[in-house]
Amino acid sequence: RTFADLPHLLVSPENESYGFVDAAL
């Protein structure tokens, strides 16, 4: 829950806004 609530930095070479973490969440 803490993990989901924190502000995240996403590394996306293709400038996508959805990554593997989002899929797992």
PDB file of all heavy atoms in Angstrom:
ATOM      1  N   ARG A   1       0.828  -1.201   0.000  1.00  0.00           N
ATOM      2  CA  ARG A   1       0.000   0.000   0.000  1.00  0.00           C
ATOM      3  C   ARG A   1       0.867   1.258   0.000  1.00  0.00           C
ATOM      4  O   ARG A   1       0.609   2.198  -0.750  1.00  0.00           O
ATOM      5  CB  ARG A   1      -0.935  -0.010   1.213  1.00  0.00           C
ATOM      6  CG  ARG A   1      -1.753   1.259   1.382  1.00  0.00           C
ATOM      7  CD  ARG A   1      -2.584   1.590   0.159  1.00  0.00           C
ATOM      8  NE  ARG A   1      -3.620   0.611  -0.091  1.00  0.00           N
ATOM      9  CZ  ARG A   1      -4.493   0.697  -1.095  1.00  0.00           C
ATOM     10  NH1 ARG A   1      -4.426   1.696  -1.954  1.00  0.00           N
ATOM     11  NH2 ARG A   1      -5.408  -0.241  -1.267  1.00  0.00           N
ATOM     12  N   THR A   2       1.912   1.278   0.812  1.00  0.00           N
ATOM     13  CA  THR A   2       2.827   2.431   0.830  1.00  0.00           C
ATOM     14  C   THR A   2       3.472   2.610  -0.528  1.00  0.00           C
ATOM     15  O   THR A   2       3.568   3.728  -1.045  1.00  0.00           O
ATOM     16  CB  THR A   2       3.909   2.238   1.914  1.00  0.00           C
ATOM     17  OG1 THR A   2       3.269   2.103   3.186  1.00  0.00           O
ATOM     18  CG2 THR A   2       4.870   3.420   1.950  1.00  0.00           C
ATOM     19  N   PHE A   3       3.905   1.497  -1.109  1.00  0.00           N
ATOM     20  CA  PHE A   3       4.532   1.535  -2.427  1.00  0.00           C
ATOM     21  C   PHE A   3       3.600   2.169  -3.454  1.00  0.00           C
ATOM     22  O   PHE A   3       4.000   3.043  -4.225  1.00  0.00           O
ATOM     23  CB  PHE A   3       4.901   0.110  -2.848  1.00  0.00           C
ATOM     24  CG  PHE A   3       5.454  -0.022  -4.236  1.00  0.00           C
ATOM     25  CD1 PHE A   3       6.755   0.347  -4.519  1.00  0.00           C
ATOM     26  CD2 PHE A   3       4.667  -0.541  -5.261  1.00  0.00           C
ATOM     27  CE1 PHE A   3       7.278   0.217  -5.808  1.00  0.00           C
ATOM     28  CE2 PHE A   3       5.177  -0.681  -6.544  1.00  0.00           C
ATOM     29  CZ  PHE A   3       6.479  -0.299  -6.815  1.00  0.00           C
ATOM     30  N   ALA A   4       2.345   1.740  -3.476  1.00  0.00           N
ATOM     31  CA  ALA A   4       1.392   2.267  -4.455  1.00  0.00           C
ATOM     32  C   ALA A   4       1.098   3.744  -4.222  1.00  0.00           C
ATOM     33  O   ALA A   4       0.853   4.492  -5.176  1.00  0.00           O
ATOM     34  CB  ALA A   4       0.103   1.454  -4.399  1.00  0.00           C
ATOM     35  N   ASP A   5       1.130   4.183  -2.965  1.00  0.00           N
ATOM     36  CA  ASP A   5       0.771   5.566  -2.633  1.00  0.00           C
ATOM     37  C   ASP A   5       1.906   6.566  -2.859  1.00  0.00           C
ATOM     38  O   ASP A   5       1.652   7.770  -2.934  1.00  0.00           O
ATOM     39  CB  ASP A   5       0.303   5.652  -1.175  1.00  0.00           C
ATOM     40  CG  ASP A   5      -1.067   5.012  -0.959  1.00  0.00           C
ATOM     41  OD1 ASP A   5      -1.777   4.783  -1.964  1.00  0.00           O
ATOM     42  OD2 ASP A   5      -1.402   4.738   0.205  1.00  0.00           O
ATOM     43  N   LEU A   6       3.138   6.088  -2.952  1.00  0.00           N
ATOM     44  CA  LEU A   6       4.271   6.998  -3.120  1.00  0.00           C
ATOM     45  C   LEU A   6       4.312   7.586  -4.538  1.00  0.00           C
ATOM     46  O   LEU A   6       3.852   6.953  -5.488  1.00  0.00           O
ATOM     47  CB  LEU A   6       5.590   6.258  -2.858  1.00  0.00           C
ATOM     48  CG  LEU A   6       5.892   5.886  -1.412  1.00  0.00           C
ATOM     49  CD1 LEU A   6       7.125   4.993  -1.353  1.00  0.00           C
ATOM     50  CD2 LEU A   6       6.091   7.138  -0.559  1.00  0.00           C
ATOM     51  N   PRO A   7       4.894   8.776  -4.716  1.00  0.00           N
ATOM     52  CA  PRO A   7       5.122   9.297  -6.071  1.00  0.00           C
ATOM     53  C   PRO A   7       6.280   8.546  -6.725  1.00  0.00           C
ATOM     54  O   PRO A   7       7.325   8.352  -6.119  1.00  0.00           O
ATOM     55  CB  PRO A   7       5.465  10.769  -5.831  1.00  0.00           C
ATOM     56  CG  PRO A   7       6.016  10.821  -4.439  1.00  0.00           C
ATOM     57  CD  PRO A   7       5.315   9.743  -3.667  1.00  0.00           C
ATOM     58  N   HIS A   8       6.073   8.122  -7.962  1.00  0.00           N
ATOM     59  CA  HIS A   8       7.032   7.253  -8.637  1.00  0.00           C
ATOM     60  C   HIS A   8       7.789   7.970  -9.748  1.00  0.00           C
ATOM     61  O   HIS A   8       7.255   8.863 -10.411  1.00  0.00           O
ATOM     62  CB  HIS A   8       6.312   6.043  -9.243  1.00  0.00           C
ATOM     63  CG  HIS A   8       5.892   5.030  -8.229  1.00  0.00           C
ATOM     64  ND1 HIS A   8       6.491   3.801  -8.112  1.00  0.00           N
ATOM     65  CD2 HIS A   8       4.925   5.080  -7.279  1.00  0.00           C
ATOM     66  CE1 HIS A   8       5.909   3.122  -7.136  1.00  0.00           C
ATOM     67  NE2 HIS A   8       4.952   3.875  -6.619  1.00  0.00           N
ATOM     68  N   LEU A   9       9.025   7.516  -9.934  1.00  0.00           N
ATOM     69  CA  LEU A   9       9.834   7.892 -11.088  1.00  0.00           C
ATOM     70  C   LEU A   9       9.822   6.702 -12.030  1.00  0.00           C
ATOM     71  O   LEU A   9      10.183   5.595 -11.640  1.00  0.00           O
ATOM     72  CB  LEU A   9      11.264   8.226 -10.645  1.00  0.00           C
ATOM     73  CG  LEU A   9      12.238   8.798 -11.672  1.00  0.00           C
ATOM     74  CD1 LEU A   9      13.451   9.396 -10.973  1.00  0.00           C
ATOM     75  CD2 LEU A   9      12.696   7.780 -12.685  1.00  0.00           C
ATOM     76  N   LEU A  10       9.403   6.925 -13.263  1.00  0.00           N
ATOM     77  CA  LEU A  10       9.350   5.868 -14.271  1.00  0.00           C
ATOM     78  C   LEU A  10      10.470   6.071 -15.281  1.00  0.00           C
ATOM     79  O   LEU A  10      10.636   7.173 -15.811  1.00  0.00           O
ATOM     80  CB  LEU A  10       7.996   5.889 -14.986  1.00  0.00           C
ATOM     81  CG  LEU A  10       7.851   4.990 -16.232  1.00  0.00           C
ATOM     82  CD1 LEU A  10       7.953   3.518 -15.857  1.00  0.00           C
ATOM     83  CD2 LEU A  10       6.537   5.277 -16.954  1.00  0.00           C
ATOM     84  N   VAL A  11      11.235   5.021 -15.543  1.00  0.00           N
ATOM     85  CA  VAL A  11      12.229   5.048 -16.615  1.00  0.00           C
ATOM     86  C   VAL A  11      11.583   4.422 -17.842  1.00  0.00           C
ATOM     87  O   VAL A  11      11.208   3.246 -17.831  1.00  0.00           O
ATOM     88  CB  VAL A  11      13.506   4.283 -16.229  1.00  0.00           C
ATOM     89  CG1 VAL A  11      14.509   4.311 -17.382  1.00  0.00           C
ATOM     90  CG2 VAL A  11      14.121   4.870 -14.967  1.00  0.00           C
ATOM     91  N   SER A  12      11.426   5.218 -18.905  1.00  0.00           N
ATOM     92  CA  SER A  12      10.762   4.726 -20.118  1.00  0.00           C
ATOM     93  C   SER A  12      11.478   5.273 -21.346  1.00  0.00           C
ATOM     94  O   SER A  12      11.219   6.400 -21.769  1.00  0.00           O
ATOM     95  CB  SER A  12       9.289   5.149 -20.134  1.00  0.00           C
ATOM     96  OG  SER A  12       8.687   4.742 -21.349  1.00  0.00           O
ATOM     97  N   PRO A  13      12.387   4.492 -21.939  1.00  0.00           N
ATOM     98  CA  PRO A  13      13.069   4.956 -23.147  1.00  0.00           C
ATOM     99  C   PRO A  13      12.109   5.310 -24.278  1.00  0.00           C
ATOM    100  O   PRO A  13      12.381   6.189 -25.079  1.00  0.00           O
ATOM    101  CB  PRO A  13      13.960   3.769 -23.524  1.00  0.00           C
ATOM    102  CG  PRO A  13      14.173   3.032 -22.250  1.00  0.00           C
ATOM    103  CD  PRO A  13      12.887   3.189 -21.488  1.00  0.00           C
ATOM    104  N   GLU A  14      10.976   4.606 -24.343  1.00  0.00           N
ATOM    105  CA  GLU A  14      10.008   4.862 -25.412  1.00  0.00           C
ATOM    106  C   GLU A  14       8.985   5.930 -25.028  1.00  0.00           C
ATOM    107  O   GLU A  14       8.014   6.149 -25.731  1.00  0.00           O
ATOM    108  CB  GLU A  14       9.280   3.563 -25.789  1.00  0.00           C
ATOM    109  CG  GLU A  14      10.144   2.566 -26.533  1.00  0.00           C
ATOM    110  CD  GLU A  14      10.903   1.645 -25.584  1.00  0.00           C
ATOM    111  OE1 GLU A  14      10.691   1.743 -24.351  1.00  0.00           O
ATOM    112  OE2 GLU A  14      11.730   0.839 -26.061  1.00  0.00           O
ATOM    113  N   ASN A  15       9.186   6.577 -23.867  1.00  0.00           N
ATOM    114  CA  ASN A  15       8.303   7.643 -23.381  1.00  0.00           C
ATOM    115  C   ASN A  15       6.881   7.142 -23.152  1.00  0.00           C
ATOM    116  O   ASN A  15       5.908   7.858 -23.386  1.00  0.00           O
ATOM    117  CB  ASN A  15       8.301   8.839 -24.336  1.00  0.00           C
ATOM    118  CG  ASN A  15       7.779  10.102 -23.663  1.00  0.00           C
ATOM    119  OD1 ASN A  15       7.942  10.289 -22.456  1.00  0.00           O
ATOM    120  ND2 ASN A  15       7.152  10.966 -24.426  1.00  0.00           N
ATOM    121  N   GLU A  16       6.769   5.913 -22.698  1.00  0.00           N
ATOM    122  CA  GLU A  16       5.455   5.366 -22.369  1.00  0.00           C
ATOM    123  C   GLU A  16       5.078   5.775 -20.953  1.00  0.00           C
ATOM    124  O   GLU A  16       5.926   6.131 -20.138  1.00  0.00           O
ATOM    125  CB  GLU A  16       5.479   3.842 -22.495  1.00  0.00           C
ATOM    126  CG  GLU A  16       5.738   3.378 -23.925  1.00  0.00           C
ATOM    127  CD  GLU A  16       5.955   1.880 -24.018  1.00  0.00           C
ATOM    128  OE1 GLU A  16       6.253   1.260 -22.981  1.00  0.00           O
ATOM    129  OE2 GLU A  16       5.842   1.336 -25.126  1.00  0.00           O
ATOM    130  N   SER A  17       3.792   5.718 -20.642  1.00  0.00           N
ATOM    131  CA  SER A  17       3.322   6.126 -19.314  1.00  0.00           C
ATOM    132  C   SER A  17       2.793   4.934 -18.520  1.00  0.00           C
ATOM    133  O   SER A  17       2.144   5.108 -17.486  1.00  0.00           O
ATOM    134  CB  SER A  17       2.228   7.186 -19.438  1.00  0.00           C
ATOM    135  OG  SER A  17       1.158   6.697 -20.233  1.00  0.00           O
ATOM    136  N   TYR A  18       3.068   3.723 -19.008  1.00  0.00           N
ATOM    137  CA  TYR A  18       2.589   2.515 -18.358  1.00  0.00           C
ATOM    138  C   TYR A  18       3.675   1.467 -18.497  1.00  0.00           C
ATOM    139  O   TYR A  18       4.124   1.184 -19.608  1.00  0.00           O
ATOM    140  CB  TYR A  18       1.289   2.042 -19.028  1.00  0.00           C
ATOM    141  CG  TYR A  18       0.590   0.893 -18.347  1.00  0.00           C
ATOM    142  CD1 TYR A  18      -0.356   1.137 -17.361  1.00  0.00           C
ATOM    143  CD2 TYR A  18       0.862  -0.420 -18.702  1.00  0.00           C
ATOM    144  CE1 TYR A  18      -1.025   0.085 -16.737  1.00  0.00           C
ATOM    145  CE2 TYR A  18       0.204  -1.479 -18.094  1.00  0.00           C
ATOM    146  CZ  TYR A  18      -0.740  -1.228 -17.105  1.00  0.00           C
ATOM    147  OH  TYR A  18      -1.389  -2.255 -16.500  1.00  0.00           O
ATOM    148  N   GLY A  19       4.110   0.919 -17.379  1.00  0.00           N
ATOM    149  CA  GLY A  19       5.208  -0.030 -17.436  1.00  0.00           C
ATOM    150  C   GLY A  19       4.886  -1.336 -16.733  1.00  0.00           C
ATOM    151  O   GLY A  19       3.736  -1.605 -16.352  1.00  0.00           O
ATOM    152  N   PHE A  20       5.911  -2.159 -16.543  1.00  0.00           N
ATOM    153  CA  PHE A  20       5.738  -3.472 -15.942  1.00  0.00           C
ATOM    154  C   PHE A  20       5.237  -3.378 -14.507  1.00  0.00           C
ATOM    155  O   PHE A  20       4.483  -4.222 -14.038  1.00  0.00           O
ATOM    156  CB  PHE A  20       7.056  -4.258 -16.004  1.00  0.00           C
ATOM    157  CG  PHE A  20       8.188  -3.564 -15.314  1.00  0.00           C
ATOM    158  CD1 PHE A  20       8.431  -3.770 -13.980  1.00  0.00           C
ATOM    159  CD2 PHE A  20       9.011  -2.688 -16.015  1.00  0.00           C
ATOM    160  CE1 PHE A  20       9.465  -3.117 -13.337  1.00  0.00           C
ATOM    161  CE2 PHE A  20      10.047  -2.033 -15.383  1.00  0.00           C
ATOM    162  CZ  PHE A  20      10.271  -2.241 -14.032  1.00  0.00           C
ATOM    163  N   VAL A  21       5.634  -2.321 -13.791  1.00  0.00           N
ATOM    164  CA  VAL A  21       5.151  -2.133 -12.419  1.00  0.00           C
ATOM    165  C   VAL A  21       3.652  -1.854 -12.427  1.00  0.00           C
ATOM    166  O   VAL A  21       2.903  -2.386 -11.602  1.00  0.00           O
ATOM    167  CB  VAL A  21       5.921  -0.999 -11.712  1.00  0.00           C
ATOM    168  CG1 VAL A  21       5.286  -0.678 -10.358  1.00  0.00           C
ATOM    169  CG2 VAL A  21       7.383  -1.386 -11.530  1.00  0.00           C
ATOM    170  N   ASP A  22       3.210  -1.025 -13.371  1.00  0.00           N
ATOM    171  CA  ASP A  22       1.779  -0.725 -13.476  1.00  0.00           C
ATOM    172  C   ASP A  22       0.980  -1.984 -13.772  1.00  0.00           C
ATOM    173  O   ASP A  22      -0.110  -2.197 -13.224  1.00  0.00           O
ATOM    174  CB  ASP A  22       1.546   0.332 -14.555  1.00  0.00           C
ATOM    175  CG  ASP A  22       2.339   1.590 -14.272  1.00  0.00           C
ATOM    176  OD1 ASP A  22       1.923   2.358 -13.397  1.00  0.00           O
ATOM    177  OD2 ASP A  22       3.386   1.777 -14.910  1.00  0.00           O
ATOM    178  N   ALA A  23       1.513  -2.840 -14.639  1.00  0.00           N
ATOM    179  CA  ALA A  23       0.828  -4.092 -14.966  1.00  0.00           C
ATOM    180  C   ALA A  23       0.728  -4.985 -13.727  1.00  0.00           C
ATOM    181  O   ALA A  23      -0.320  -5.585 -13.473  1.00  0.00           O
ATOM    182  CB  ALA A  23       1.562  -4.813 -16.092  1.00  0.00           C
ATOM    183  N   ALA A  24       1.806  -5.055 -12.940  1.00  0.00           N
ATOM    184  CA  ALA A  24       1.793  -5.879 -11.733  1.00  0.00           C
ATOM    185  C   ALA A  24       0.832  -5.313 -10.689  1.00  0.00           C
ATOM    186  O   ALA A  24       0.110  -6.068 -10.021  1.00  0.00           O
ATOM    187  CB  ALA A  24       3.202  -5.987 -11.157  1.00  0.00           C
ATOM    188  N   LEU A  25       0.802  -3.990 -10.551  1.00  0.00           N
ATOM    189  CA  LEU A  25      -0.138  -3.371  -9.614  1.00  0.00           C
ATOM    190  C   LEU A  25      -1.578  -3.592 -10.053  1.00  0.00           C
ATOM    191  O   LEU A  25      -2.462  -3.840  -9.230  1.00  0.00           O
ATOM    192  CB  LEU A  25       0.151  -1.872  -9.488  1.00  0.00           C
ATOM    193  CG  LEU A  25       1.366  -1.478  -8.661  1.00  0.00           C
ATOM    194  CD1 LEU A  25       1.647   0.014  -8.811  1.00  0.00           C
ATOM    195  CD2 LEU A  25       1.168  -1.836  -7.191  1.00  0.00           C
TER     196      LEU A  25
END
